[in-house]
Amino acid sequence: MLNSKRSEIDIIGQILDIAKEGAQKVDIYYDANLSYKQLSYYIPGLIEKDLLEIKPNSHGNNSNKIYNTTKKGNELLKNINKVSSFLK
């Protein structure tokens, strides 16, 4: 129905979905098929809007931060999925 390029909303939804159970930046990078420039744009914006949060990893090592979708991010993800289902 729509063209094959992903919209900004599609990318945000994909990042929030990947981070639901916690993910490192490299996981988001590969699983969402993003460029480094895109990753550097979306991650800080989602954190600033309280849709994504950073948690320390289980080893206490700050170099491998874990990104988690917040409650607000999960609500947005549900709404994105709802709208997407109507467009299919």
PDB file of N, CA and C in Angstrom:
ATOM      1  N   MET A   1       0.827  -1.189   0.000  1.00  0.00           N
ATOM      2  CA  MET A   1       0.000   0.000   0.000  1.00  0.00           C
ATOM      3  C   MET A   1       0.876   1.259   0.000  1.00  0.00           C
ATOM      4  N   LEU A   2       1.773   1.361   0.972  1.00  0.00           N
ATOM      5  CA  LEU A   2       2.682   2.497   1.047  1.00  0.00           C
ATOM      6  C   LEU A   2       4.031   2.098   0.470  1.00  0.00           C
ATOM      7  N   ASN A   3       4.889   3.078   0.194  1.00  0.00           N
ATOM      8  CA  ASN A   3       6.196   2.723  -0.345  1.00  0.00           C
ATOM      9  C   ASN A   3       7.019   1.967   0.683  1.00  0.00           C
ATOM     10  N   SER A   4       8.095   1.354   0.220  1.00  0.00           N
ATOM     11  CA  SER A   4       8.860   0.452   1.076  1.00  0.00           C
ATOM     12  C   SER A   4       9.820   1.164   2.031  1.00  0.00           C
ATOM     13  N   LYS A   5      10.026   2.466   1.876  1.00  0.00           N
ATOM     14  CA  LYS A   5      10.903   3.182   2.799  1.00  0.00           C
ATOM     15  C   LYS A   5      10.225   3.295   4.158  1.00  0.00           C
ATOM     16  N   ARG A   6      11.026   3.144   5.195  1.00  0.00           N
ATOM     17  CA  ARG A   6      10.480   3.250   6.545  1.00  0.00           C
ATOM     18  C   ARG A   6      10.304   4.712   6.931  1.00  0.00           C
ATOM     19  N   SER A   7       9.217   4.976   7.614  1.00  0.00           N
ATOM     20  CA  SER A   7       8.987   6.325   8.118  1.00  0.00           C
ATOM     21  C   SER A   7       9.694   6.476   9.462  1.00  0.00           C
ATOM     22  N   GLU A   8       9.751   7.701   9.925  1.00  0.00           N
ATOM     23  CA  GLU A   8      10.347   7.978  11.233  1.00  0.00           C
ATOM     24  C   GLU A   8       9.583   7.222  12.323  1.00  0.00           C
ATOM     25  N   ILE A   9       8.281   7.150  12.196  1.00  0.00           N
ATOM     26  CA  ILE A   9       7.457   6.440  13.183  1.00  0.00           C
ATOM     27  C   ILE A   9       7.780   4.943  13.160  1.00  0.00           C
ATOM     28  N   ASP A  10       7.980   4.379  11.972  1.00  0.00           N
ATOM     29  CA  ASP A  10       8.347   2.962  11.863  1.00  0.00           C
ATOM     30  C   ASP A  10       9.670   2.684  12.563  1.00  0.00           C
ATOM     31  N   ILE A  11      10.641   3.560  12.362  1.00  0.00           N
ATOM     32  CA  ILE A  11      11.961   3.386  12.975  1.00  0.00           C
ATOM     33  C   ILE A  11      11.863   3.510  14.493  1.00  0.00           C
ATOM     34  N   ILE A  12      11.126   4.501  14.961  1.00  0.00           N
ATOM     35  CA  ILE A  12      10.944   4.677  16.411  1.00  0.00           C
ATOM     36  C   ILE A  12      10.269   3.446  17.002  1.00  0.00           C
ATOM     37  N   GLY A  13       9.229   2.963  16.347  1.00  0.00           N
ATOM     38  CA  GLY A  13       8.541   1.766  16.823  1.00  0.00           C
ATOM     39  C   GLY A  13       9.470   0.566  16.880  1.00  0.00           C
ATOM     40  N   GLN A  14      10.315   0.421  15.877  1.00  0.00           N
ATOM     41  CA  GLN A  14      11.244  -0.698  15.843  1.00  0.00           C
ATOM     42  C   GLN A  14      12.261  -0.597  16.986  1.00  0.00           C
ATOM     43  N   ILE A  15      12.791   0.584  17.225  1.00  0.00           N
ATOM     44  CA  ILE A  15      13.748   0.775  18.330  1.00  0.00           C
ATOM     45  C   ILE A  15      13.083   0.463  19.665  1.00  0.00           C
ATOM     46  N   LEU A  16      11.881   0.977  19.884  1.00  0.00           N
ATOM     47  CA  LEU A  16      11.183   0.734  21.147  1.00  0.00           C
ATOM     48  C   LEU A  16      10.870  -0.747  21.327  1.00  0.00           C
ATOM     49  N   ASP A  17      10.532  -1.424  20.249  1.00  0.00           N
ATOM     50  CA  ASP A  17      10.243  -2.858  20.314  1.00  0.00           C
ATOM     51  C   ASP A  17      11.498  -3.652  20.669  1.00  0.00           C
ATOM     52  N   ILE A  18      12.612  -3.323  20.061  1.00  0.00           N
ATOM     53  CA  ILE A  18      13.877  -4.014  20.325  1.00  0.00           C
ATOM     54  C   ILE A  18      14.300  -3.811  21.778  1.00  0.00           C
ATOM     55  N   ALA A  19      14.074  -2.618  22.312  1.00  0.00           N
ATOM     56  CA  ALA A  19      14.530  -2.290  23.670  1.00  0.00           C
ATOM     57  C   ALA A  19      13.542  -2.690  24.767  1.00  0.00           C
ATOM     58  N   LYS A  20      12.425  -3.318  24.416  1.00  0.00           N
ATOM     59  CA  LYS A  20      11.429  -3.700  25.434  1.00  0.00           C
ATOM     60  C   LYS A  20      12.028  -4.568  26.529  1.00  0.00           C
ATOM     61  N   GLU A  21      12.866  -5.507  26.147  1.00  0.00           N
ATOM     62  CA  GLU A  21      13.477  -6.419  27.127  1.00  0.00           C
ATOM     63  C   GLU A  21      14.903  -6.005  27.478  1.00  0.00           C
ATOM     64  N   GLY A  22      15.311  -4.851  27.007  1.00  0.00           N
ATOM     65  CA  GLY A  22      16.663  -4.363  27.247  1.00  0.00           C
ATOM     66  C   GLY A  22      17.574  -4.751  26.091  1.00  0.00           C
ATOM     67  N   ALA A  23      18.323  -3.800  25.592  1.00  0.00           N
ATOM     68  CA  ALA A  23      19.218  -4.049  24.470  1.00  0.00           C
ATOM     69  C   ALA A  23      20.401  -3.093  24.531  1.00  0.00           C
ATOM     70  N   GLN A  24      21.540  -3.569  24.080  1.00  0.00           N
ATOM     71  CA  GLN A  24      22.698  -2.701  23.953  1.00  0.00           C
ATOM     72  C   GLN A  24      22.555  -1.910  22.665  1.00  0.00           C
ATOM     73  N   LYS A  25      23.307  -0.824  22.583  1.00  0.00           N
ATOM     74  CA  LYS A  25      23.242   0.035  21.402  1.00  0.00           C
ATOM     75  C   LYS A  25      23.555  -0.753  20.131  1.00  0.00           C
ATOM     76  N   VAL A  26      24.514  -1.643  20.190  1.00  0.00           N
ATOM     77  CA  VAL A  26      24.891  -2.435  19.014  1.00  0.00           C
ATOM     78  C   VAL A  26      23.743  -3.347  18.574  1.00  0.00           C
ATOM     79  N   ASP A  27      22.974  -3.852  19.527  1.00  0.00           N
ATOM     80  CA  ASP A  27      21.813  -4.687  19.187  1.00  0.00           C
ATOM     81  C   ASP A  27      20.760  -3.868  18.441  1.00  0.00           C
ATOM     82  N   ILE A  28      20.512  -2.669  18.922  1.00  0.00           N
ATOM     83  CA  ILE A  28      19.546  -1.786  18.271  1.00  0.00           C
ATOM     84  C   ILE A  28      20.042  -1.441  16.868  1.00  0.00           C
ATOM     85  N   TYR A  29      21.325  -1.132  16.769  1.00  0.00           N
ATOM     86  CA  TYR A  29      21.961  -0.785  15.492  1.00  0.00           C
ATOM     87  C   TYR A  29      21.719  -1.871  14.446  1.00  0.00           C
ATOM     88  N   TYR A  30      22.024  -3.117  14.803  1.00  0.00           N
ATOM     89  CA  TYR A  30      21.879  -4.221  13.848  1.00  0.00           C
ATOM     90  C   TYR A  30      20.430  -4.660  13.652  1.00  0.00           C
ATOM     91  N   ASP A  31      19.694  -4.824  14.742  1.00  0.00           N
ATOM     92  CA  ASP A  31      18.325  -5.346  14.636  1.00  0.00           C
ATOM     93  C   ASP A  31      17.376  -4.376  13.930  1.00  0.00           C
ATOM     94  N   ALA A  32      17.610  -3.078  14.103  1.00  0.00           N
ATOM     95  CA  ALA A  32      16.765  -2.088  13.438  1.00  0.00           C
ATOM     96  C   ALA A  32      17.326  -1.684  12.070  1.00  0.00           C
ATOM     97  N   ASN A  33      18.499  -2.230  11.740  1.00  0.00           N
ATOM     98  CA  ASN A  33      19.138  -1.944  10.449  1.00  0.00           C
ATOM     99  C   ASN A  33      19.302  -0.438  10.237  1.00  0.00           C
ATOM    100  N   LEU A  34      19.958   0.198  11.213  1.00  0.00           N
ATOM    101  CA  LEU A  34      20.158   1.640  11.177  1.00  0.00           C
ATOM    102  C   LEU A  34      21.608   1.977  10.842  1.00  0.00           C
ATOM    103  N   SER A  35      21.804   3.137  10.289  1.00  0.00           N
ATOM    104  CA  SER A  35      23.162   3.648  10.108  1.00  0.00           C
ATOM    105  C   SER A  35      23.596   4.248  11.453  1.00  0.00           C
ATOM    106  N   TYR A  36      24.892   4.478  11.601  1.00  0.00           N
ATOM    107  CA  TYR A  36      25.382   5.087  12.832  1.00  0.00           C
ATOM    108  C   TYR A  36      24.780   6.489  12.998  1.00  0.00           C
ATOM    109  N   LYS A  37      24.635   7.209  11.893  1.00  0.00           N
ATOM    110  CA  LYS A  37      24.055   8.560  11.934  1.00  0.00           C
ATOM    111  C   LYS A  37      22.609   8.511  12.435  1.00  0.00           C
ATOM    112  N   GLN A  38      21.834   7.545  11.935  1.00  0.00           N
ATOM    113  CA  GLN A  38      20.439   7.407  12.383  1.00  0.00           C
ATOM    114  C   GLN A  38      20.393   7.052  13.869  1.00  0.00           C
ATOM    115  N   LEU A  39      21.234   6.109  14.267  1.00  0.00           N
ATOM    116  CA  LEU A  39      21.276   5.680  15.665  1.00  0.00           C
ATOM    117  C   LEU A  39      21.609   6.868  16.574  1.00  0.00           C
ATOM    118  N   SER A  40      22.583   7.661  16.154  1.00  0.00           N
ATOM    119  CA  SER A  40      23.006   8.832  16.932  1.00  0.00           C
ATOM    120  C   SER A  40      21.932   9.910  16.985  1.00  0.00           C
ATOM    121  N   TYR A  41      21.017   9.891  16.037  1.00  0.00           N
ATOM    122  CA  TYR A  41      19.911  10.844  16.017  1.00  0.00           C
ATOM    123  C   TYR A  41      18.757  10.363  16.900  1.00  0.00           C
ATOM    124  N   TYR A  42      18.352   9.107  16.744  1.00  0.00           N
ATOM    125  CA  TYR A  42      17.137   8.611  17.412  1.00  0.00           C
ATOM    126  C   TYR A  42      17.328   8.333  18.899  1.00  0.00           C
ATOM    127  N   ILE A  43      18.414   7.681  19.293  1.00  0.00           N
ATOM    128  CA  ILE A  43      18.594   7.278  20.694  1.00  0.00           C
ATOM    129  C   ILE A  43      18.516   8.480  21.649  1.00  0.00           C
ATOM    130  N   PRO A  44      19.303   9.536  21.443  1.00  0.00           N
ATOM    131  CA  PRO A  44      19.201  10.678  22.378  1.00  0.00           C
ATOM    132  C   PRO A  44      17.815  11.315  22.390  1.00  0.00           C
ATOM    133  N   GLY A  45      17.168  11.393  21.237  1.00  0.00           N
ATOM    134  CA  GLY A  45      15.831  11.978  21.176  1.00  0.00           C
ATOM    135  C   GLY A  45      14.809  11.171  21.943  1.00  0.00           C
ATOM    136  N   LEU A  46      14.905   9.851  21.844  1.00  0.00           N
ATOM    137  CA  LEU A  46      13.965   8.984  22.568  1.00  0.00           C
ATOM    138  C   LEU A  46      14.211   9.049  24.072  1.00  0.00           C
ATOM    139  N   ILE A  47      15.473   9.185  24.460  1.00  0.00           N
ATOM    140  CA  ILE A  47      15.805   9.329  25.891  1.00  0.00           C
ATOM    141  C   ILE A  47      15.275  10.669  26.406  1.00  0.00           C
ATOM    142  N   GLU A  48      15.487  11.719  25.630  1.00  0.00           N
ATOM    143  CA  GLU A  48      15.038  13.057  26.024  1.00  0.00           C
ATOM    144  C   GLU A  48      13.522  13.118  26.209  1.00  0.00           C
ATOM    145  N   LYS A  49      12.790  12.370  25.395  1.00  0.00           N
ATOM    146  CA  LYS A  49      11.322  12.363  25.467  1.00  0.00           C
ATOM    147  C   LYS A  49      10.796  11.309  26.449  1.00  0.00           C
ATOM    148  N   ASP A  50      11.705  10.691  27.210  1.00  0.00           N
ATOM    149  CA  ASP A  50      11.367   9.685  28.214  1.00  0.00           C
ATOM    150  C   ASP A  50      10.656   8.469  27.602  1.00  0.00           C
ATOM    151  N   LEU A  51      11.069   8.092  26.395  1.00  0.00           N
ATOM    152  CA  LEU A  51      10.536   6.901  25.752  1.00  0.00           C
ATOM    153  C   LEU A  51      11.518   5.737  25.890  1.00  0.00           C
ATOM    154  N   LEU A  52      12.764   6.069  26.151  1.00  0.00           N
ATOM    155  CA  LEU A  52      13.842   5.095  26.306  1.00  0.00           C
ATOM    156  C   LEU A  52      14.674   5.527  27.503  1.00  0.00           C
ATOM    157  N   GLU A  53      15.192   4.563  28.250  1.00  0.00           N
ATOM    158  CA  GLU A  53      16.050   4.884  29.394  1.00  0.00           C
ATOM    159  C   GLU A  53      17.302   4.027  29.341  1.00  0.00           C
ATOM    160  N   ILE A  54      18.342   4.501  29.993  1.00  0.00           N
ATOM    161  CA  ILE A  54      19.598   3.763  30.065  1.00  0.00           C
ATOM    162  C   ILE A  54      19.704   3.153  31.451  1.00  0.00           C
ATOM    163  N   LYS A  55      20.033   1.865  31.475  1.00  0.00           N
ATOM    164  CA  LYS A  55      20.261   1.176  32.744  1.00  0.00           C
ATOM    165  C   LYS A  55      21.657   0.575  32.706  1.00  0.00           C
ATOM    166  N   PRO A  56      22.323   0.520  33.855  1.00  0.00           N
ATOM    167  CA  PRO A  56      23.641  -0.113  33.853  1.00  0.00           C
ATOM    168  C   PRO A  56      23.504  -1.608  33.576  1.00  0.00           C
ATOM    169  N   ASN A  57      24.510  -2.176  32.935  1.00  0.00           N
ATOM    170  CA  ASN A  57      24.450  -3.612  32.670  1.00  0.00           C
ATOM    171  C   ASN A  57      24.731  -4.396  33.940  1.00  0.00           C
ATOM    172  N   SER A  58      24.537  -5.676  33.898  1.00  0.00           N
ATOM    173  CA  SER A  58      24.669  -6.522  35.094  1.00  0.00           C
ATOM    174  C   SER A  58      26.103  -6.612  35.592  1.00  0.00           C
ATOM    175  N   HIS A  59      27.075  -6.262  34.756  1.00  0.00           N
ATOM    176  CA  HIS A  59      28.483  -6.318  35.154  1.00  0.00           C
ATOM    177  C   HIS A  59      28.958  -5.011  35.774  1.00  0.00           C
ATOM    178  N   GLY A  60      28.087  -4.013  35.816  1.00  0.00           N
ATOM    179  CA  GLY A  60      28.468  -2.717  36.365  1.00  0.00           C
ATOM    180  C   GLY A  60      29.402  -1.949  35.443  1.00  0.00           C
ATOM    181  N   ASN A  61      29.594  -2.457  34.233  1.00  0.00           N
ATOM    182  CA  ASN A  61      30.472  -1.848  33.255  1.00  0.00           C
ATOM    183  C   ASN A  61      29.692  -0.786  32.500  1.00  0.00           C
ATOM    184  N   ASN A  62      30.153   0.442  32.523  1.00  0.00           N
ATOM    185  CA  ASN A  62      29.424   1.541  31.897  1.00  0.00           C
ATOM    186  C   ASN A  62      29.555   1.558  30.377  1.00  0.00           C
ATOM    187  N   SER A  63      30.478   0.776  29.814  1.00  0.00           N
ATOM    188  CA  SER A  63      30.698   0.819  28.370  1.00  0.00           C
ATOM    189  C   SER A  63      29.608   0.079  27.600  1.00  0.00           C
ATOM    190  N   ASN A  64      28.932  -0.859  28.232  1.00  0.00           N
ATOM    191  CA  ASN A  64      27.864  -1.614  27.568  1.00  0.00           C
ATOM    192  C   ASN A  64      26.525  -1.292  28.213  1.00  0.00           C
ATOM    193  N   LYS A  65      26.086  -0.079  28.013  1.00  0.00           N
ATOM    194  CA  LYS A  65      24.821   0.359  28.603  1.00  0.00           C
ATOM    195  C   LYS A  65      23.660  -0.435  28.006  1.00  0.00           C
ATOM    196  N   ILE A  66      22.637  -0.615  28.819  1.00  0.00           N
ATOM    197  CA  ILE A  66      21.436  -1.311  28.379  1.00  0.00           C
ATOM    198  C   ILE A  66      20.329  -0.273  28.208  1.00  0.00           C
ATOM    199  N   TYR A  67      19.701  -0.292  27.058  1.00  0.00           N
ATOM    200  CA  TYR A  67      18.601   0.624  26.755  1.00  0.00           C
ATOM    201  C   TYR A  67      17.287  -0.121  26.932  1.00  0.00           C
ATOM    202  N   ASN A  68      16.376   0.479  27.684  1.00  0.00           N
ATOM    203  CA  ASN A  68      15.069  -0.116  27.939  1.00  0.00           C
ATOM    204  C   ASN A  68      13.967   0.853  27.540  1.00  0.00           C
ATOM    205  N   THR A  69      12.906   0.299  27.013  1.00  0.00           N
ATOM    206  CA  THR A  69      11.718   1.091  26.697  1.00  0.00           C
ATOM    207  C   THR A  69      11.015   1.426  28.008  1.00  0.00           C
ATOM    208  N   THR A  70      10.651   2.674  28.184  1.00  0.00           N
ATOM    209  CA  THR A  70       9.962   3.108  29.402  1.00  0.00           C
ATOM    210  C   THR A  70       8.465   2.793  29.290  1.00  0.00           C
ATOM    211  N   LYS A  71       7.747   3.039  30.365  1.00  0.00           N
ATOM    212  CA  LYS A  71       6.294   2.849  30.363  1.00  0.00           C
ATOM    213  C   LYS A  71       5.659   3.736  29.285  1.00  0.00           C
ATOM    214  N   LYS A  72       6.103   4.967  29.224  1.00  0.00           N
ATOM    215  CA  LYS A  72       5.607   5.903  28.210  1.00  0.00           C
ATOM    216  C   LYS A  72       5.951   5.386  26.800  1.00  0.00           C
ATOM    217  N   GLY A  73       7.144   4.827  26.649  1.00  0.00           N
ATOM    218  CA  GLY A  73       7.561   4.260  25.371  1.00  0.00           C
ATOM    219  C   GLY A  73       6.721   3.060  24.975  1.00  0.00           C
ATOM    220  N   ASN A  74       6.359   2.229  25.945  1.00  0.00           N
ATOM    221  CA  ASN A  74       5.502   1.072  25.669  1.00  0.00           C
ATOM    222  C   ASN A  74       4.111   1.505  25.222  1.00  0.00           C
ATOM    223  N   GLU A  75       3.595   2.583  25.815  1.00  0.00           N
ATOM    224  CA  GLU A  75       2.290   3.107  25.400  1.00  0.00           C
ATOM    225  C   GLU A  75       2.353   3.604  23.951  1.00  0.00           C
ATOM    226  N   LEU A  76       3.425   4.320  23.634  1.00  0.00           N
ATOM    227  CA  LEU A  76       3.588   4.794  22.265  1.00  0.00           C
ATOM    228  C   LEU A  76       3.706   3.614  21.299  1.00  0.00           C
ATOM    229  N   LEU A  77       4.456   2.595  21.680  1.00  0.00           N
ATOM    230  CA  LEU A  77       4.631   1.412  20.834  1.00  0.00           C
ATOM    231  C   LEU A  77       3.289   0.725  20.563  1.00  0.00           C
ATOM    232  N   LYS A  78       2.448   0.611  21.571  1.00  0.00           N
ATOM    233  CA  LYS A  78       1.111   0.027  21.385  1.00  0.00           C
ATOM    234  C   LYS A  78       0.314   0.830  20.365  1.00  0.00           C
ATOM    235  N   ASN A  79       0.383   2.154  20.471  1.00  0.00           N
ATOM    236  CA  ASN A  79      -0.350   3.014  19.541  1.00  0.00           C
ATOM    237  C   ASN A  79       0.214   2.925  18.120  1.00  0.00           C
ATOM    238  N   ILE A  80       1.526   2.857  18.003  1.00  0.00           N
ATOM    239  CA  ILE A  80       2.144   2.704  16.683  1.00  0.00           C
ATOM    240  C   ILE A  80       1.685   1.394  16.055  1.00  0.00           C
ATOM    241  N   ASN A  81       1.686   0.329  16.836  1.00  0.00           N
ATOM    242  CA  ASN A  81       1.264  -0.979  16.321  1.00  0.00           C
ATOM    243  C   ASN A  81      -0.215  -0.972  15.908  1.00  0.00           C
ATOM    244  N   LYS A  82      -1.033  -0.258  16.672  1.00  0.00           N
ATOM    245  CA  LYS A  82      -2.456  -0.145  16.341  1.00  0.00           C
ATOM    246  C   LYS A  82      -2.657   0.548  14.994  1.00  0.00           C
ATOM    247  N   VAL A  83      -1.984   1.665  14.831  1.00  0.00           N
ATOM    248  CA  VAL A  83      -2.105   2.413  13.577  1.00  0.00           C
ATOM    249  C   VAL A  83      -1.563   1.591  12.415  1.00  0.00           C
ATOM    250  N   SER A  84      -0.432   0.941  12.617  1.00  0.00           N
ATOM    251  CA  SER A  84       0.162   0.111  11.556  1.00  0.00           C
ATOM    252  C   SER A  84      -0.776  -1.001  11.117  1.00  0.00           C
ATOM    253  N   SER A  85      -1.490  -1.577  12.070  1.00  0.00           N
ATOM    254  CA  SER A  85      -2.418  -2.679  11.720  1.00  0.00           C
ATOM    255  C   SER A  85      -3.570  -2.174  10.855  1.00  0.00           C
ATOM    256  N   PHE A  86      -3.975  -0.927  11.028  1.00  0.00           N
ATOM    257  CA  PHE A  86      -5.039  -0.361  10.203  1.00  0.00           C
ATOM    258  C   PHE A  86      -4.566  -0.110   8.766  1.00  0.00           C
ATOM    259  N   LEU A  87      -3.269   0.136   8.603  1.00  0.00           N
ATOM    260  CA  LEU A  87      -2.739   0.458   7.287  1.00  0.00           C
ATOM    261  C   LEU A  87      -2.358  -0.762   6.463  1.00  0.00           C
ATOM    262  N   LYS A  88      -2.406  -1.937   7.066  1.00  0.00           N
ATOM    263  CA  LYS A  88      -2.037  -3.167   6.333  1.00  0.00           C
ATOM    264  C   LYS A  88      -3.167  -3.675   5.502  1.00  0.00           C
TER     265      LYS A  88
END
